[in-house]
C-alpha cells in the first residue's frame, strides 16, 4: 500500500471539502432558480388574472349602464322629446321586459364582477314589475347571496316584499327581522320599520301602530315620520 504523505492527505481533504461546498452551492442555486421560476409564474398568473378581471369589469359596467338606461327610460313621450340615443317605450311592460333581458345577460356573462352581481338584483326588480313572481324570486335570491353586502340587503328587502305579495308572510317577517338586527345604508332602520308596519296593517293594526309610533318617536321631523303618521291615521279604528 502506497504511503500518503500528510501534505497529500491535507490536499485531498481540501479538495473534498471544496467539492462538497460546490455541490451545496449548486444545489442552493438550483433551489433558488426553481423558487424564482415559481414566483415569476405566480406573478404572471396574478397579473394576467387582474388584467382579465379589470377588462371583464369594464365590459360588465358598459353592459350594465346600457341596461340601466332601459330601466330608467321614459314611457311614452311625456310631452318632452327624448334625449339623443334614449329609447322610449310604449308601456311599462315593454320597458321592464327589455331591461330584464339585458340585466340577465350581464349577470350571466359577468357573474364575478360587481356590475354582474348588481344586475341580478335589477333582473329581479324588473320581474317584480312584470308580476312574474316566481322568476323574480329566483333572481332576488341569487342577489341576496351575493358578495356585496349592501346590495344583498337591498335584494333581501325586495324579496321580503315579494314574499308578502305571494302570501308567505312568515318568511317576509323573518327577513325583515334579520335586516332590522343589521340595518345598512342601503336599507336603513326606519325603512324596515315602515315595511313591518305595512305588513301588519291589514291584519294586525295594533302591531302596525306600534311600528308607526316607533318611527315617529325615533325619527321625528323627518319625511318618513310624516309618512308613518299619515298611514297610521288610515288604520282601522278599534270598535
C-alpha atoms as a PDB file:
ATOM      1  CA  UNK A   1       0.000   0.000   0.000  1.00  0.00           C
ATOM      2  CA  UNK A   2       1.421   3.374  -1.046  1.00  0.00           C
ATOM      3  CA  UNK A   3       2.247   5.790   1.665  1.00  0.00           C
ATOM      4  CA  UNK A   4       0.213   9.036   1.545  1.00  0.00           C
ATOM      5  CA  UNK A   5       2.016  11.986   2.901  1.00  0.00           C
ATOM      6  CA  UNK A   6       0.403  14.385   5.300  1.00  0.00           C
ATOM      7  CA  UNK A   7       0.607  17.078   2.646  1.00  0.00           C
ATOM      8  CA  UNK A   8      -1.238  14.898   0.073  1.00  0.00           C
ATOM      9  CA  UNK A   9      -3.837  13.925   2.676  1.00  0.00           C
ATOM     10  CA  UNK A  10      -4.458  17.539   3.548  1.00  0.00           C
ATOM     11  CA  UNK A  11      -4.763  18.422  -0.139  1.00  0.00           C
ATOM     12  CA  UNK A  12      -7.342  15.654  -0.661  1.00  0.00           C
ATOM     13  CA  UNK A  13      -9.334  16.883   2.340  1.00  0.00           C
ATOM     14  CA  UNK A  14      -9.334  20.393   0.944  1.00  0.00           C
ATOM     15  CA  UNK A  15     -10.452  19.142  -2.453  1.00  0.00           C
ATOM     16  CA  UNK A  16     -13.218  17.061  -0.890  1.00  0.00           C
ATOM     17  CA  UNK A  17     -14.358  19.995   1.216  1.00  0.00           C
ATOM     18  CA  UNK A  18     -14.379  22.241  -1.838  1.00  0.00           C
ATOM     19  CA  UNK A  19     -16.288  19.619  -3.795  1.00  0.00           C
ATOM     20  CA  UNK A  20     -18.962  19.347  -1.103  1.00  0.00           C
ATOM     21  CA  UNK A  21     -19.126  23.125  -0.861  1.00  0.00           C
ATOM     22  CA  UNK A  22     -19.506  23.469  -4.599  1.00  0.00           C
ATOM     23  CA  UNK A  23     -22.218  20.818  -4.598  1.00  0.00           C
ATOM     24  CA  UNK A  24     -24.074  22.618  -1.814  1.00  0.00           C
ATOM     25  CA  UNK A  25     -23.789  25.947  -3.616  1.00  0.00           C
ATOM     26  CA  UNK A  26     -25.010  24.362  -6.833  1.00  0.00           C
ATOM     27  CA  UNK A  27     -27.968  22.728  -5.069  1.00  0.00           C
ATOM     28  CA  UNK A  28     -28.809  26.032  -3.400  1.00  0.00           C
ATOM     29  CA  UNK A  29     -28.591  27.853  -6.717  1.00  0.00           C
ATOM     30  CA  UNK A  30     -30.881  25.273  -8.329  1.00  0.00           C
ATOM     31  CA  UNK A  31     -33.374  25.588  -5.498  1.00  0.00           C
ATOM     32  CA  UNK A  32     -33.315  29.388  -5.771  1.00  0.00           C
ATOM     33  CA  UNK A  33     -33.763  29.096  -9.522  1.00  0.00           C
ATOM     34  CA  UNK A  34     -36.847  26.906  -9.057  1.00  0.00           C
ATOM     35  CA  UNK A  35     -38.245  29.295  -6.451  1.00  0.00           C
ATOM     36  CA  UNK A  36     -37.599  32.263  -8.751  1.00  0.00           C
ATOM     37  CA  UNK A  37     -39.291  30.491 -11.678  1.00  0.00           C
ATOM     38  CA  UNK A  38     -42.283  29.620  -9.497  1.00  0.00           C
ATOM     39  CA  UNK A  39     -42.507  33.226  -8.266  1.00  0.00           C
ATOM     40  CA  UNK A  40     -42.405  34.506 -11.838  1.00  0.00           C
ATOM     41  CA  UNK A  41     -45.161  32.070 -12.863  1.00  0.00           C
ATOM     42  CA  UNK A  42     -47.332  33.155  -9.925  1.00  0.00           C
ATOM     43  CA  UNK A  43     -46.691  36.838 -10.669  1.00  0.00           C
ATOM     44  CA  UNK A  44     -47.589  36.385 -14.326  1.00  0.00           C
ATOM     45  CA  UNK A  45     -50.743  34.471 -13.374  1.00  0.00           C
ATOM     46  CA  UNK A  46     -51.793  37.150 -10.859  1.00  0.00           C
ATOM     47  CA  UNK A  47     -51.094  39.926 -13.340  1.00  0.00           C
ATOM     48  CA  UNK A  48     -52.976  38.048 -16.061  1.00  0.00           C
ATOM     49  CA  UNK A  49     -55.973  37.436 -13.811  1.00  0.00           C
ATOM     50  CA  UNK A  50     -56.002  41.038 -12.623  1.00  0.00           C
ATOM     51  CA  UNK A  51     -55.861  42.316 -16.199  1.00  0.00           C
ATOM     52  CA  UNK A  52     -58.605  39.903 -17.267  1.00  0.00           C
ATOM     53  CA  UNK A  53     -60.744  40.825 -14.247  1.00  0.00           C
ATOM     54  CA  UNK A  54     -60.360  44.544 -14.940  1.00  0.00           C
ATOM     55  CA  UNK A  55     -61.315  44.072 -18.582  1.00  0.00           C
ATOM     56  CA  UNK A  56     -64.330  41.998 -17.596  1.00  0.00           C
ATOM     57  CA  UNK A  57     -65.409  44.672 -15.127  1.00  0.00           C
ATOM     58  CA  UNK A  58     -65.120  47.375 -17.792  1.00  0.00           C
ATOM     59  CA  UNK A  59     -67.236  45.309 -20.193  1.00  0.00           C
ATOM     60  CA  UNK A  60     -69.725  44.493 -17.433  1.00  0.00           C
ATOM     61  CA  UNK A  61     -70.025  48.163 -16.442  1.00  0.00           C
ATOM     62  CA  UNK A  62     -70.757  49.205 -20.020  1.00  0.00           C
ATOM     63  CA  UNK A  63     -73.405  46.493 -20.427  1.00  0.00           C
ATOM     64  CA  UNK A  64     -74.921  47.324 -17.032  1.00  0.00           C
ATOM     65  CA  UNK A  65     -75.104  51.038 -17.875  1.00  0.00           C
ATOM     66  CA  UNK A  66     -76.925  50.181 -21.101  1.00  0.00           C
ATOM     67  CA  UNK A  67     -79.414  48.054 -19.170  1.00  0.00           C
ATOM     68  CA  UNK A  68     -79.934  50.860 -16.642  1.00  0.00           C
ATOM     69  CA  UNK A  69     -80.750  53.296 -19.457  1.00  0.00           C
ATOM     70  CA  UNK A  70     -83.524  50.952 -20.492  1.00  0.00           C
ATOM     71  CA  UNK A  71     -84.680  50.516 -16.878  1.00  0.00           C
ATOM     72  CA  UNK A  72     -84.866  54.311 -16.463  1.00  0.00           C
ATOM     73  CA  UNK A  73     -86.244  55.051 -19.922  1.00  0.00           C
ATOM     74  CA  UNK A  74     -89.471  57.058 -20.173  1.00  0.00           C
ATOM     75  CA  UNK A  75     -92.749  55.513 -21.202  1.00  0.00           C
ATOM     76  CA  UNK A  76     -94.494  57.441 -23.974  1.00  0.00           C
ATOM     77  CA  UNK A  77     -93.387  60.925 -24.960  1.00  0.00           C
ATOM     78  CA  UNK A  78     -94.421  62.518 -21.638  1.00  0.00           C
ATOM     79  CA  UNK A  79     -94.634  65.810 -23.553  1.00  0.00           C
ATOM     80  CA  UNK A  80     -90.867  66.042 -23.958  1.00  0.00           C
ATOM     81  CA  UNK A  81     -88.551  64.976 -26.787  1.00  0.00           C
ATOM     82  CA  UNK A  82     -86.223  62.093 -25.922  1.00  0.00           C
ATOM     83  CA  UNK A  83     -82.550  62.638 -25.259  1.00  0.00           C
ATOM     84  CA  UNK A  84     -80.136  61.616 -28.028  1.00  0.00           C
ATOM     85  CA  UNK A  85     -79.839  57.828 -28.067  1.00  0.00           C
ATOM     86  CA  UNK A  86     -82.568  57.413 -25.460  1.00  0.00           C
ATOM     87  CA  UNK A  87     -85.134  54.686 -26.023  1.00  0.00           C
ATOM     88  CA  UNK A  88     -88.814  55.323 -25.469  1.00  0.00           C
ATOM     89  CA  UNK A  89     -91.267  52.542 -24.688  1.00  0.00           C
ATOM     90  CA  UNK A  90     -94.974  52.450 -25.336  1.00  0.00           C
ATOM     91  CA  UNK A  91     -95.719  50.842 -21.964  1.00  0.00           C
ATOM     92  CA  UNK A  92     -94.132  49.731 -18.703  1.00  0.00           C
ATOM     93  CA  UNK A  93     -94.279  46.052 -19.597  1.00  0.00           C
ATOM     94  CA  UNK A  94     -92.203  46.511 -22.721  1.00  0.00           C
ATOM     95  CA  UNK A  95     -89.644  48.582 -20.878  1.00  0.00           C
ATOM     96  CA  UNK A  96     -89.170  46.192 -17.978  1.00  0.00           C
ATOM     97  CA  UNK A  97     -89.153  43.097 -20.203  1.00  0.00           C
ATOM     98  CA  UNK A  98     -86.364  44.600 -22.323  1.00  0.00           C
ATOM     99  CA  UNK A  99     -84.426  45.742 -19.249  1.00  0.00           C
ATOM    100  CA  UNK A 100     -84.802  42.342 -17.572  1.00  0.00           C
ATOM    101  CA  UNK A 101     -83.332  40.586 -20.604  1.00  0.00           C
ATOM    102  CA  UNK A 102     -80.358  42.962 -20.613  1.00  0.00           C
ATOM    103  CA  UNK A 103     -79.713  42.609 -16.888  1.00  0.00           C
ATOM    104  CA  UNK A 104     -79.942  38.825 -17.105  1.00  0.00           C
ATOM    105  CA  UNK A 105     -77.389  38.879 -19.918  1.00  0.00           C
ATOM    106  CA  UNK A 106     -74.986  40.961 -17.795  1.00  0.00           C
ATOM    107  CA  UNK A 107     -75.439  38.648 -14.819  1.00  0.00           C
ATOM    108  CA  UNK A 108     -74.838  35.561 -16.959  1.00  0.00           C
ATOM    109  CA  UNK A 109     -71.758  36.876 -18.780  1.00  0.00           C
ATOM    110  CA  UNK A 110     -70.064  38.649 -15.858  1.00  0.00           C
ATOM    111  CA  UNK A 111     -71.127  36.811 -12.676  1.00  0.00           C
ATOM    112  CA  UNK A 112     -67.903  37.564 -10.768  1.00  0.00           C
ATOM    113  CA  UNK A 113     -67.977  41.319 -11.283  1.00  0.00           C
ATOM    114  CA  UNK A 114     -69.760  43.913  -9.179  1.00  0.00           C
ATOM    115  CA  UNK A 115     -72.000  45.046 -12.089  1.00  0.00           C
ATOM    116  CA  UNK A 116     -72.838  41.414 -12.791  1.00  0.00           C
ATOM    117  CA  UNK A 117     -73.939  40.826  -9.199  1.00  0.00           C
ATOM    118  CA  UNK A 118     -75.931  44.055  -9.109  1.00  0.00           C
ATOM    119  CA  UNK A 119     -77.600  43.039 -12.380  1.00  0.00           C
ATOM    120  CA  UNK A 120     -79.099  40.061 -10.543  1.00  0.00           C
ATOM    121  CA  UNK A 121     -80.911  42.465  -8.224  1.00  0.00           C
ATOM    122  CA  UNK A 122     -82.249  44.577 -11.079  1.00  0.00           C
ATOM    123  CA  UNK A 123     -83.319  41.481 -13.011  1.00  0.00           C
ATOM    124  CA  UNK A 124     -85.466  40.547 -10.039  1.00  0.00           C
ATOM    125  CA  UNK A 125     -86.781  44.091  -9.717  1.00  0.00           C
ATOM    126  CA  UNK A 126     -87.839  44.164 -13.382  1.00  0.00           C
ATOM    127  CA  UNK A 127     -89.617  40.836 -12.982  1.00  0.00           C
ATOM    128  CA  UNK A 128     -91.447  42.139  -9.905  1.00  0.00           C
ATOM    129  CA  UNK A 129     -92.773  44.983 -12.050  1.00  0.00           C
ATOM    130  CA  UNK A 130     -93.860  42.386 -14.624  1.00  0.00           C
ATOM    131  CA  UNK A 131     -95.670  40.375 -11.910  1.00  0.00           C
ATOM    132  CA  UNK A 132     -93.520  37.332 -12.665  1.00  0.00           C
ATOM    133  CA  UNK A 133     -93.181  36.430  -9.007  1.00  0.00           C
ATOM    134  CA  UNK A 134     -91.524  33.023  -9.414  1.00  0.00           C
ATOM    135  CA  UNK A 135     -88.785  34.297 -11.727  1.00  0.00           C
ATOM    136  CA  UNK A 136     -88.324  37.433  -9.646  1.00  0.00           C
ATOM    137  CA  UNK A 137     -87.870  35.308  -6.536  1.00  0.00           C
ATOM    138  CA  UNK A 138     -85.123  33.261  -8.231  1.00  0.00           C
ATOM    139  CA  UNK A 139     -83.106  36.330  -9.223  1.00  0.00           C
ATOM    140  CA  UNK A 140     -83.576  38.126  -5.913  1.00  0.00           C
ATOM    141  CA  UNK A 141     -82.457  35.034  -4.007  1.00  0.00           C
ATOM    142  CA  UNK A 142     -79.292  34.962  -6.133  1.00  0.00           C
ATOM    143  CA  UNK A 143     -78.635  38.623  -5.430  1.00  0.00           C
ATOM    144  CA  UNK A 144     -79.325  38.140  -1.713  1.00  0.00           C
ATOM    145  CA  UNK A 145     -76.481  35.629  -1.574  1.00  0.00           C
ATOM    146  CA  UNK A 146     -74.081  37.905  -3.454  1.00  0.00           C
ATOM    147  CA  UNK A 147     -70.782  39.301  -2.211  1.00  0.00           C
ATOM    148  CA  UNK A 148     -71.820  42.932  -1.980  1.00  0.00           C
ATOM    149  CA  UNK A 149     -73.424  43.165   1.458  1.00  0.00           C
ATOM    150  CA  UNK A 150     -75.306  46.433   0.854  1.00  0.00           C
ATOM    151  CA  UNK A 151     -76.800  45.269  -2.418  1.00  0.00           C
ATOM    152  CA  UNK A 152     -77.522  41.879  -0.878  1.00  0.00           C
ATOM    153  CA  UNK A 153     -79.525  43.734   1.782  1.00  0.00           C
ATOM    154  CA  UNK A 154     -81.489  45.526  -0.922  1.00  0.00           C
ATOM    155  CA  UNK A 155     -82.243  42.207  -2.600  1.00  0.00           C
ATOM    156  CA  UNK A 156     -83.361  40.672   0.697  1.00  0.00           C
ATOM    157  CA  UNK A 157     -85.604  43.662   1.417  1.00  0.00           C
ATOM    158  CA  UNK A 158     -87.217  43.383  -2.016  1.00  0.00           C
ATOM    159  CA  UNK A 159     -87.513  39.627  -1.525  1.00  0.00           C
ATOM    160  CA  UNK A 160     -89.378  40.150   1.745  1.00  0.00           C
ATOM    161  CA  UNK A 161     -91.870  42.406  -0.017  1.00  0.00           C
ATOM    162  CA  UNK A 162     -92.299  39.771  -2.703  1.00  0.00           C
ATOM    163  CA  UNK A 163     -92.938  37.092  -0.083  1.00  0.00           C
ATOM    164  CA  UNK A 164     -95.666  39.328   1.341  1.00  0.00           C
ATOM    165  CA  UNK A 165     -97.282  39.599  -2.102  1.00  0.00           C
ATOM    166  CA  UNK A 166     -97.090  35.826  -2.515  1.00  0.00           C
ATOM    167  CA  UNK A 167     -98.802  35.225   0.827  1.00  0.00           C
ATOM    168  CA  UNK A 168     -95.663  33.962   2.541  1.00  0.00           C
ATOM    169  CA  UNK A 169     -95.822  36.412   5.431  1.00  0.00           C
ATOM    170  CA  UNK A 170     -93.759  34.373   7.883  1.00  0.00           C
ATOM    171  CA  UNK A 171     -90.789  34.338   5.516  1.00  0.00           C
ATOM    172  CA  UNK A 172     -91.175  38.062   4.970  1.00  0.00           C
ATOM    173  CA  UNK A 173     -91.148  38.713   8.726  1.00  0.00           C
ATOM    174  CA  UNK A 174     -88.010  36.617   9.187  1.00  0.00           C
ATOM    175  CA  UNK A 175     -86.158  38.672   6.589  1.00  0.00           C
ATOM    176  CA  UNK A 176     -87.386  41.988   7.993  1.00  0.00           C
ATOM    177  CA  UNK A 177     -86.298  40.999  11.495  1.00  0.00           C
ATOM    178  CA  UNK A 178     -82.849  39.943  10.251  1.00  0.00           C
ATOM    179  CA  UNK A 179     -82.460  43.231   8.382  1.00  0.00           C
ATOM    180  CA  UNK A 180     -83.620  45.132  11.450  1.00  0.00           C
ATOM    181  CA  UNK A 181     -80.872  43.479  13.503  1.00  0.00           C
ATOM    182  CA  UNK A 182     -78.265  44.645  10.983  1.00  0.00           C
ATOM    183  CA  UNK A 183     -79.533  47.690   9.087  1.00  0.00           C
ATOM    184  CA  UNK A 184     -77.372  49.065   6.283  1.00  0.00           C
ATOM    185  CA  UNK A 185     -77.037  52.430   4.499  1.00  0.00           C
ATOM    186  CA  UNK A 186     -78.980  50.967   1.569  1.00  0.00           C
ATOM    187  CA  UNK A 187     -81.747  49.593   3.821  1.00  0.00           C
ATOM    188  CA  UNK A 188     -81.856  51.785   6.946  1.00  0.00           C
ATOM    189  CA  UNK A 189     -83.804  51.006  10.090  1.00  0.00           C
ATOM    190  CA  UNK A 190     -86.777  53.393   9.559  1.00  0.00           C
ATOM    191  CA  UNK A 191     -87.440  51.905   6.104  1.00  0.00           C
ATOM    192  CA  UNK A 192     -87.539  48.407   7.617  1.00  0.00           C
ATOM    193  CA  UNK A 193     -89.835  49.561  10.418  1.00  0.00           C
ATOM    194  CA  UNK A 194     -92.187  51.102   7.852  1.00  0.00           C
ATOM    195  CA  UNK A 195     -92.227  47.848   5.861  1.00  0.00           C
ATOM    196  CA  UNK A 196     -93.041  45.894   9.026  1.00  0.00           C
ATOM    197  CA  UNK A 197     -95.859  48.298   9.853  1.00  0.00           C
ATOM    198  CA  UNK A 198     -97.284  47.931   6.337  1.00  0.00           C
ATOM    199  CA  UNK A 199     -97.026  44.160   6.658  1.00  0.00           C
ATOM    200  CA  UNK A 200     -99.127  44.123   9.824  1.00  0.00           C
ATOM    201  CA  UNK A 201    -101.547  46.911   8.868  1.00  0.00           C
ATOM    202  CA  UNK A 202    -104.211  44.762   7.119  1.00  0.00           C
ATOM    203  CA  UNK A 203    -104.469  42.036   9.765  1.00  0.00           C
ATOM    204  CA  UNK A 204    -102.977  43.422  12.990  1.00  0.00           C
ATOM    205  CA  UNK A 205    -103.445  47.202  13.150  1.00  0.00           C
ATOM    206  CA  UNK A 206    -102.366  47.341  16.796  1.00  0.00           C
ATOM    207  CA  UNK A 207     -98.956  45.872  15.957  1.00  0.00           C
ATOM    208  CA  UNK A 208     -98.713  48.110  12.904  1.00  0.00           C
ATOM    209  CA  UNK A 209     -99.430  51.165  15.057  1.00  0.00           C
ATOM    210  CA  UNK A 210     -96.546  50.225  17.356  1.00  0.00           C
ATOM    211  CA  UNK A 211     -94.111  50.319  14.455  1.00  0.00           C
ATOM    212  CA  UNK A 212     -95.537  53.598  13.154  1.00  0.00           C
ATOM    213  CA  UNK A 213     -95.198  55.166  16.606  1.00  0.00           C
ATOM    214  CA  UNK A 214     -91.632  53.855  16.905  1.00  0.00           C
ATOM    215  CA  UNK A 215     -90.757  55.624  13.668  1.00  0.00           C
ATOM    216  CA  UNK A 216     -92.344  58.876  14.890  1.00  0.00           C
ATOM    217  CA  UNK A 217     -90.509  58.590  18.209  1.00  0.00           C
ATOM    218  CA  UNK A 218     -87.050  57.692  16.886  1.00  0.00           C
ATOM    219  CA  UNK A 219     -87.090  59.792  13.708  1.00  0.00           C
ATOM    220  CA  UNK A 220     -89.132  62.932  14.461  1.00  0.00           C
ATOM    221  CA  UNK A 221     -89.383  65.747  11.946  1.00  0.00           C
ATOM    222  CA  UNK A 222     -88.450  63.513   9.014  1.00  0.00           C
ATOM    223  CA  UNK A 223     -90.294  62.658   5.827  1.00  0.00           C
ATOM    224  CA  UNK A 224     -90.637  59.031   6.859  1.00  0.00           C
ATOM    225  CA  UNK A 225     -92.108  60.070  10.222  1.00  0.00           C
ATOM    226  CA  UNK A 226     -94.730  62.110   8.361  1.00  0.00           C
ATOM    227  CA  UNK A 227     -95.484  59.130   6.159  1.00  0.00           C
ATOM    228  CA  UNK A 228     -95.823  56.893   9.219  1.00  0.00           C
ATOM    229  CA  UNK A 229     -98.253  59.341  10.801  1.00  0.00           C
ATOM    230  CA  UNK A 230    -100.373  59.501   7.644  1.00  0.00           C
ATOM    231  CA  UNK A 231    -100.504  55.723   7.287  1.00  0.00           C
ATOM    232  CA  UNK A 232    -101.289  55.261  10.976  1.00  0.00           C
ATOM    233  CA  UNK A 233    -104.277  57.568  10.575  1.00  0.00           C
ATOM    234  CA  UNK A 234    -105.624  55.181   7.928  1.00  0.00           C
ATOM    235  CA  UNK A 235    -105.515  52.138  10.220  1.00  0.00           C
ATOM    236  CA  UNK A 236    -108.888  50.632  11.204  1.00  0.00           C
ATOM    237  CA  UNK A 237    -110.136  52.066  14.445  1.00  0.00           C
ATOM    238  CA  UNK A 238    -110.995  49.897  17.432  1.00  0.00           C
ATOM    239  CA  UNK A 239    -114.697  49.177  17.633  1.00  0.00           C
END
